[in-house]
N, C-alpha and C. Protein backbone atom coordinates (compact mmCIF):
# COMPACT_ATOMS: atom_id res chain seq x y z
N UNK A 1 -232.41 -23.66 -30.42
CA UNK A 1 -231.24 -24.51 -30.22
C UNK A 1 -231.30 -25.69 -31.17
N UNK A 2 -230.15 -26.02 -31.71
CA UNK A 2 -230.11 -27.09 -32.68
C UNK A 2 -230.47 -28.45 -32.06
N UNK A 3 -230.04 -28.70 -30.83
CA UNK A 3 -230.35 -29.99 -30.20
C UNK A 3 -231.85 -30.16 -29.99
N UNK A 4 -232.53 -29.09 -29.58
CA UNK A 4 -233.98 -29.17 -29.43
C UNK A 4 -234.66 -29.34 -30.78
N UNK A 5 -234.17 -28.65 -31.79
CA UNK A 5 -234.73 -28.80 -33.14
C UNK A 5 -234.56 -30.23 -33.64
N UNK A 6 -233.40 -30.82 -33.38
CA UNK A 6 -233.19 -32.23 -33.77
C UNK A 6 -234.16 -33.13 -33.02
N UNK A 7 -234.28 -32.91 -31.72
CA UNK A 7 -235.16 -33.73 -30.89
C UNK A 7 -236.60 -33.66 -31.38
N UNK A 8 -237.08 -32.46 -31.67
CA UNK A 8 -238.48 -32.29 -32.08
C UNK A 8 -238.70 -32.48 -33.58
N UNK A 9 -237.65 -32.89 -34.29
CA UNK A 9 -237.79 -33.17 -35.72
C UNK A 9 -237.96 -31.92 -36.57
N UNK A 10 -237.48 -30.80 -36.07
CA UNK A 10 -237.62 -29.54 -36.80
C UNK A 10 -236.39 -29.20 -37.63
N UNK A 11 -235.31 -29.95 -37.45
CA UNK A 11 -234.06 -29.63 -38.14
C UNK A 11 -233.99 -30.41 -39.43
N UNK A 12 -234.10 -29.70 -40.54
CA UNK A 12 -234.04 -30.31 -41.86
C UNK A 12 -233.03 -29.51 -42.70
N UNK A 13 -231.78 -29.93 -42.67
CA UNK A 13 -230.73 -29.16 -43.36
C UNK A 13 -231.01 -28.95 -44.84
N UNK A 14 -231.58 -29.93 -45.51
CA UNK A 14 -231.81 -29.79 -46.94
C UNK A 14 -232.82 -28.70 -47.26
N UNK A 15 -233.69 -28.38 -46.32
CA UNK A 15 -234.67 -27.32 -46.55
C UNK A 15 -234.08 -25.94 -46.27
N UNK A 16 -232.94 -25.90 -45.62
CA UNK A 16 -232.33 -24.63 -45.27
C UNK A 16 -231.33 -24.17 -46.32
N UNK A 17 -230.95 -25.05 -47.22
CA UNK A 17 -229.95 -24.71 -48.22
C UNK A 17 -230.61 -24.01 -49.40
N UNK A 18 -230.18 -22.80 -49.65
CA UNK A 18 -230.65 -22.03 -50.79
C UNK A 18 -229.40 -21.56 -51.53
N UNK A 19 -229.23 -22.05 -52.74
CA UNK A 19 -228.04 -21.69 -53.50
C UNK A 19 -228.11 -20.25 -53.96
N UNK A 20 -227.01 -19.55 -53.76
CA UNK A 20 -226.89 -18.19 -54.27
C UNK A 20 -225.94 -18.15 -55.47
N UNK A 21 -225.50 -19.32 -55.88
CA UNK A 21 -224.60 -19.44 -57.02
C UNK A 21 -225.34 -19.03 -58.29
N UNK A 22 -224.85 -18.02 -59.00
CA UNK A 22 -225.52 -17.58 -60.23
C UNK A 22 -225.66 -18.71 -61.26
N UNK A 23 -224.70 -19.61 -61.28
CA UNK A 23 -224.77 -20.73 -62.24
C UNK A 23 -225.95 -21.64 -61.91
N UNK A 24 -226.20 -21.85 -60.64
CA UNK A 24 -227.34 -22.66 -60.22
C UNK A 24 -228.65 -22.00 -60.65
N UNK A 25 -228.72 -20.70 -60.49
CA UNK A 25 -229.92 -19.98 -60.89
C UNK A 25 -230.13 -20.05 -62.40
N UNK A 26 -229.04 -19.99 -63.18
CA UNK A 26 -229.14 -20.11 -64.64
C UNK A 26 -229.66 -21.48 -65.03
N UNK A 27 -229.11 -22.51 -64.40
CA UNK A 27 -229.54 -23.89 -64.70
C UNK A 27 -231.02 -24.06 -64.36
N UNK A 28 -231.44 -23.57 -63.21
CA UNK A 28 -232.84 -23.69 -62.82
C UNK A 28 -233.76 -22.94 -63.78
N UNK A 29 -233.30 -21.80 -64.27
CA UNK A 29 -234.11 -21.05 -65.24
C UNK A 29 -234.21 -21.81 -66.55
N UNK A 30 -233.12 -22.44 -66.99
CA UNK A 30 -233.15 -23.24 -68.22
C UNK A 30 -234.12 -24.42 -68.08
N UNK A 31 -234.10 -25.06 -66.91
CA UNK A 31 -235.02 -26.17 -66.66
C UNK A 31 -236.46 -25.68 -66.73
N UNK A 32 -236.71 -24.56 -66.09
CA UNK A 32 -238.06 -23.99 -66.08
C UNK A 32 -238.52 -23.64 -67.49
N UNK A 33 -237.64 -23.02 -68.26
CA UNK A 33 -237.98 -22.66 -69.65
C UNK A 33 -238.26 -23.90 -70.49
N UNK A 34 -237.43 -24.91 -70.34
CA UNK A 34 -237.61 -26.14 -71.11
C UNK A 34 -238.90 -26.85 -70.72
N UNK A 35 -239.20 -26.88 -69.43
CA UNK A 35 -240.44 -27.51 -68.99
C UNK A 35 -241.66 -26.78 -69.56
N UNK A 36 -241.61 -25.47 -69.59
CA UNK A 36 -242.72 -24.69 -70.15
C UNK A 36 -242.87 -24.97 -71.64
N UNK A 37 -241.75 -25.06 -72.35
CA UNK A 37 -241.78 -25.36 -73.78
C UNK A 37 -242.38 -26.75 -74.02
N UNK A 38 -241.96 -27.73 -73.23
CA UNK A 38 -242.48 -29.09 -73.39
C UNK A 38 -243.97 -29.16 -73.03
N UNK A 39 -244.36 -28.41 -72.05
CA UNK A 39 -245.78 -28.37 -71.65
C UNK A 39 -246.64 -27.86 -72.80
N UNK A 40 -246.12 -26.88 -73.52
CA UNK A 40 -246.87 -26.32 -74.65
C UNK A 40 -246.83 -27.19 -75.90
N UNK A 41 -245.79 -28.00 -76.06
CA UNK A 41 -245.61 -28.81 -77.26
C UNK A 41 -246.22 -30.21 -77.17
N UNK A 42 -246.14 -30.80 -75.99
CA UNK A 42 -246.52 -32.21 -75.85
C UNK A 42 -247.98 -32.36 -75.44
N UNK A 43 -248.55 -33.52 -75.79
CA UNK A 43 -249.88 -33.82 -75.26
C UNK A 43 -249.80 -33.91 -73.73
N UNK A 44 -250.90 -33.59 -73.07
CA UNK A 44 -250.93 -33.57 -71.60
C UNK A 44 -250.46 -34.88 -70.98
N UNK A 45 -250.86 -36.01 -71.59
CA UNK A 45 -250.48 -37.33 -71.05
C UNK A 45 -248.96 -37.50 -71.08
N UNK A 46 -248.32 -37.08 -72.15
CA UNK A 46 -246.86 -37.21 -72.25
C UNK A 46 -246.16 -36.27 -71.26
N UNK A 47 -246.68 -35.06 -71.13
CA UNK A 47 -246.07 -34.12 -70.20
C UNK A 47 -246.21 -34.60 -68.76
N UNK A 48 -247.32 -35.25 -68.45
CA UNK A 48 -247.51 -35.81 -67.10
C UNK A 48 -246.43 -36.84 -66.79
N UNK A 49 -246.04 -37.61 -67.79
CA UNK A 49 -244.98 -38.61 -67.60
C UNK A 49 -243.64 -37.92 -67.28
N UNK A 50 -243.39 -36.82 -67.95
CA UNK A 50 -242.17 -36.06 -67.67
C UNK A 50 -242.21 -35.52 -66.25
N UNK A 51 -243.35 -35.02 -65.82
CA UNK A 51 -243.47 -34.53 -64.44
C UNK A 51 -243.25 -35.64 -63.43
N UNK A 52 -243.77 -36.83 -63.73
CA UNK A 52 -243.55 -37.98 -62.84
C UNK A 52 -242.07 -38.31 -62.77
N UNK A 53 -241.40 -38.28 -63.93
CA UNK A 53 -239.97 -38.56 -63.97
C UNK A 53 -239.20 -37.53 -63.13
N UNK A 54 -239.56 -36.26 -63.24
CA UNK A 54 -238.89 -35.23 -62.45
C UNK A 54 -239.15 -35.42 -60.96
N UNK A 55 -240.34 -35.83 -60.59
CA UNK A 55 -240.64 -36.10 -59.18
C UNK A 55 -239.76 -37.24 -58.66
N UNK A 56 -239.61 -38.29 -59.47
CA UNK A 56 -238.77 -39.42 -59.08
C UNK A 56 -237.30 -39.01 -58.99
N UNK A 57 -236.88 -38.19 -59.94
CA UNK A 57 -235.51 -37.69 -59.91
C UNK A 57 -235.26 -36.85 -58.66
N UNK A 58 -236.23 -36.03 -58.31
CA UNK A 58 -236.12 -35.21 -57.10
C UNK A 58 -236.04 -36.09 -55.86
N UNK A 59 -236.85 -37.13 -55.80
CA UNK A 59 -236.81 -38.06 -54.67
C UNK A 59 -235.45 -38.76 -54.59
N UNK A 60 -234.93 -39.19 -55.75
CA UNK A 60 -233.63 -39.84 -55.79
C UNK A 60 -232.53 -38.89 -55.32
N UNK A 61 -232.58 -37.64 -55.76
CA UNK A 61 -231.60 -36.65 -55.35
C UNK A 61 -231.67 -36.39 -53.85
N UNK A 62 -232.88 -36.34 -53.33
CA UNK A 62 -233.06 -36.13 -51.90
C UNK A 62 -232.47 -37.29 -51.09
N UNK A 63 -232.70 -38.51 -51.55
CA UNK A 63 -232.13 -39.67 -50.86
C UNK A 63 -230.61 -39.65 -50.91
N UNK A 64 -230.06 -39.27 -52.05
CA UNK A 64 -228.61 -39.17 -52.19
C UNK A 64 -228.06 -38.07 -51.27
N UNK A 65 -228.74 -36.94 -51.22
CA UNK A 65 -228.30 -35.84 -50.35
C UNK A 65 -228.32 -36.26 -48.89
N UNK A 66 -229.34 -37.01 -48.49
CA UNK A 66 -229.41 -37.49 -47.11
C UNK A 66 -228.24 -38.43 -46.81
N UNK A 67 -227.93 -39.31 -47.75
CA UNK A 67 -226.80 -40.23 -47.55
C UNK A 67 -225.49 -39.47 -47.49
N UNK A 68 -225.32 -38.46 -48.35
CA UNK A 68 -224.10 -37.66 -48.35
C UNK A 68 -223.97 -36.87 -47.05
N UNK A 69 -225.09 -36.33 -46.56
CA UNK A 69 -225.08 -35.59 -45.30
C UNK A 69 -224.66 -36.52 -44.16
N UNK A 70 -225.25 -37.70 -44.10
CA UNK A 70 -224.93 -38.67 -43.05
C UNK A 70 -223.45 -39.04 -43.11
N UNK A 71 -222.95 -39.31 -44.31
CA UNK A 71 -221.54 -39.65 -44.47
C UNK A 71 -220.65 -38.51 -44.01
N UNK A 72 -220.98 -37.28 -44.40
CA UNK A 72 -220.19 -36.12 -44.01
C UNK A 72 -220.22 -35.89 -42.51
N UNK A 73 -221.38 -36.07 -41.92
CA UNK A 73 -221.53 -35.88 -40.47
C UNK A 73 -220.67 -36.91 -39.73
N UNK A 74 -220.74 -38.16 -40.18
CA UNK A 74 -219.93 -39.21 -39.55
C UNK A 74 -218.44 -38.92 -39.72
N UNK A 75 -218.04 -38.50 -40.91
CA UNK A 75 -216.62 -38.20 -41.15
C UNK A 75 -216.17 -37.06 -40.24
N UNK A 76 -217.02 -36.04 -40.07
CA UNK A 76 -216.69 -34.94 -39.17
C UNK A 76 -216.56 -35.41 -37.73
N UNK A 77 -217.50 -36.25 -37.30
CA UNK A 77 -217.45 -36.77 -35.93
C UNK A 77 -216.20 -37.62 -35.71
N UNK A 78 -215.87 -38.47 -36.67
CA UNK A 78 -214.67 -39.30 -36.56
C UNK A 78 -213.41 -38.44 -36.52
N UNK A 79 -213.42 -37.37 -37.29
CA UNK A 79 -212.28 -36.44 -37.28
C UNK A 79 -212.12 -35.81 -35.90
N UNK A 80 -213.24 -35.40 -35.31
CA UNK A 80 -213.18 -34.80 -33.97
C UNK A 80 -212.68 -35.82 -32.95
N UNK A 81 -213.14 -37.05 -33.05
CA UNK A 81 -212.67 -38.09 -32.13
C UNK A 81 -211.17 -38.28 -32.26
N UNK A 82 -210.70 -38.34 -33.52
CA UNK A 82 -209.27 -38.53 -33.73
C UNK A 82 -208.47 -37.34 -33.20
N UNK A 83 -208.95 -36.14 -33.43
CA UNK A 83 -208.24 -34.95 -32.96
C UNK A 83 -208.16 -34.95 -31.44
N UNK A 84 -209.28 -35.19 -30.78
CA UNK A 84 -209.30 -35.14 -29.32
C UNK A 84 -208.58 -36.33 -28.69
N UNK A 85 -208.61 -37.48 -29.33
CA UNK A 85 -207.91 -38.62 -28.73
C UNK A 85 -206.41 -38.52 -28.94
N UNK A 86 -205.94 -37.81 -29.95
CA UNK A 86 -204.50 -37.66 -30.14
C UNK A 86 -203.91 -36.65 -29.16
N UNK A 87 -204.73 -35.79 -28.59
CA UNK A 87 -204.26 -34.86 -27.56
C UNK A 87 -203.83 -35.60 -26.31
N UNK A 88 -204.45 -36.76 -26.04
CA UNK A 88 -204.14 -37.53 -24.85
C UNK A 88 -202.84 -38.29 -24.98
N UNK A 89 -202.41 -38.51 -26.20
CA UNK A 89 -201.20 -39.32 -26.43
C UNK A 89 -199.92 -38.59 -26.11
């Protein structure tokens, strides 16, 4: 049950999303190929900096996704309140 999962901290929507969009898969493959090329071309110290940057970018994206999810959830809840309260009018 979703309510129990929320209560026990087991519900993580961002971990459940897996894109099946072929374009997303192409982009991810390009990123992977480019990272491999840079790993082979750059000194280890420089490549480590790129990995750190990607980790920070991933963290930033995750924070943005959480904010977008919260905003969307609130907008959905407000929509439901408006729909149900207009039935009483």
